[in-house]
Amino acid sequence: MAVVALSGGAFTLAALVYVLQLERLHAAVRPTVLAGLLGYSSVLLILLFDLGRWDKFYNVFLRPNFSLGAARSELVYRGIFDHPDL
């Protein structure tokens, strides 16, 4: 996920140029922001493929699956770490 770090750096450079008025770096802003946008777009594409069935990515939003596994792990966590004897 180095692409996320590079894209974040691109937008940080743009913020430095426009907010702190660093005019000597102004020539690098447009290509850097373009690289940041392409980087974040590629991360989005990578995440769609990482879902497993990339052609059914919309199911995450249309039919969320709230299982009891998360609730059970929460209860176990609270039972272990919120015990009065600890």
Protein backbone atom coordinates (compact mmCIF):
# COMPACT_ATOMS: atom_id res chain seq x y z
CA MET A 1 0.00 0.00 0.00
CA ALA A 2 2.89 2.33 -0.72
CA VAL A 3 0.65 3.93 -3.33
CA VAL A 4 -1.49 5.41 -0.55
CA ALA A 5 1.56 6.99 1.07
CA LEU A 6 2.77 8.45 -2.21
CA SER A 7 -0.69 9.81 -3.01
CA GLY A 8 -0.97 11.32 0.45
CA GLY A 9 2.42 12.96 -0.04
CA ALA A 10 1.22 14.42 -3.32
CA PHE A 11 -1.74 16.12 -1.70
CA THR A 12 0.41 17.23 1.24
CA LEU A 13 2.76 18.95 -1.20
CA ALA A 14 -0.21 20.67 -2.83
CA ALA A 15 -1.42 21.83 0.59
CA LEU A 16 2.02 23.20 1.41
CA VAL A 17 2.17 25.14 -1.82
CA TYR A 18 -1.30 26.66 -1.56
CA VAL A 19 -1.65 27.12 2.21
CA LEU A 20 1.91 28.11 3.12
CA GLN A 21 2.53 29.93 -0.20
CA LEU A 22 5.68 28.00 -1.13
CA GLU A 23 5.92 29.39 -4.65
CA ARG A 24 9.24 27.71 -5.48
CA LEU A 25 7.40 24.34 -5.51
CA HIS A 26 4.44 25.61 -7.55
CA ALA A 27 5.73 24.08 -10.80
CA ALA A 28 5.55 20.60 -9.26
CA VAL A 29 1.96 20.84 -8.03
CA ARG A 30 -0.02 19.91 -11.15
CA PRO A 31 1.90 16.71 -12.02
CA THR A 32 2.03 15.75 -8.37
CA VAL A 33 -1.72 16.11 -7.87
CA LEU A 34 -2.31 14.14 -11.06
CA ALA A 35 -0.06 11.38 -9.71
CA GLY A 36 -2.00 11.49 -6.43
CA LEU A 37 -5.33 11.11 -8.19
CA LEU A 38 -4.03 8.23 -10.28
CA GLY A 39 -2.60 6.63 -7.14
CA TYR A 40 -5.86 6.84 -5.21
CA SER A 41 -7.75 5.52 -8.25
CA SER A 42 -5.41 2.54 -8.45
CA VAL A 43 -5.91 1.88 -4.73
CA LEU A 44 -9.67 1.86 -5.29
CA LEU A 45 -9.20 -0.65 -8.10
CA ILE A 46 -6.95 -2.81 -5.92
CA LEU A 47 -9.53 -2.81 -3.13
CA LEU A 48 -12.30 -3.85 -5.53
CA PHE A 49 -10.23 -6.84 -6.59
CA ASP A 50 -9.32 -7.61 -2.99
CA LEU A 51 -12.96 -8.12 -2.02
CA GLY A 52 -12.79 -11.58 -3.56
CA ARG A 53 -15.63 -11.40 -6.04
CA TRP A 54 -14.87 -8.04 -7.61
CA ASP A 55 -17.92 -8.26 -9.86
CA LYS A 56 -20.19 -8.28 -6.80
CA PHE A 57 -18.63 -5.39 -4.87
CA TYR A 58 -22.01 -3.67 -4.53
CA ASN A 59 -23.25 -6.44 -2.21
CA VAL A 60 -21.22 -4.91 0.60
CA PHE A 61 -23.48 -1.86 0.46
CA LEU A 62 -26.81 -3.39 -0.58
CA ARG A 63 -26.84 -6.48 1.64
CA PRO A 64 -24.57 -6.00 4.65
CA ASN A 65 -23.96 -9.17 6.61
CA PHE A 66 -23.92 -8.45 10.33
CA SER A 67 -22.92 -11.73 11.86
CA LEU A 68 -22.76 -12.64 15.50
CA GLY A 69 -19.00 -13.17 15.29
CA ALA A 70 -18.23 -9.53 15.96
CA ALA A 71 -20.63 -9.43 18.90
CA ARG A 72 -19.10 -12.59 20.37
CA SER A 73 -15.58 -11.25 20.09
CA GLU A 74 -16.70 -8.04 21.80
CA LEU A 75 -18.11 -10.06 24.69
CA VAL A 76 -14.95 -12.13 24.98
CA TYR A 77 -12.82 -8.98 24.92
CA ARG A 78 -14.90 -7.37 27.64
CA GLY A 79 -14.88 -10.54 29.70
CA ILE A 80 -11.13 -10.79 29.61
CA PHE A 81 -10.06 -7.18 29.93
CA ASP A 82 -12.88 -5.72 32.02
CA HIS A 83 -12.74 -8.37 34.69
CA PRO A 84 -12.99 -6.82 38.19
CA ASP A 85 -10.05 -8.88 39.54
CA LEU A 86 -7.56 -7.49 37.02
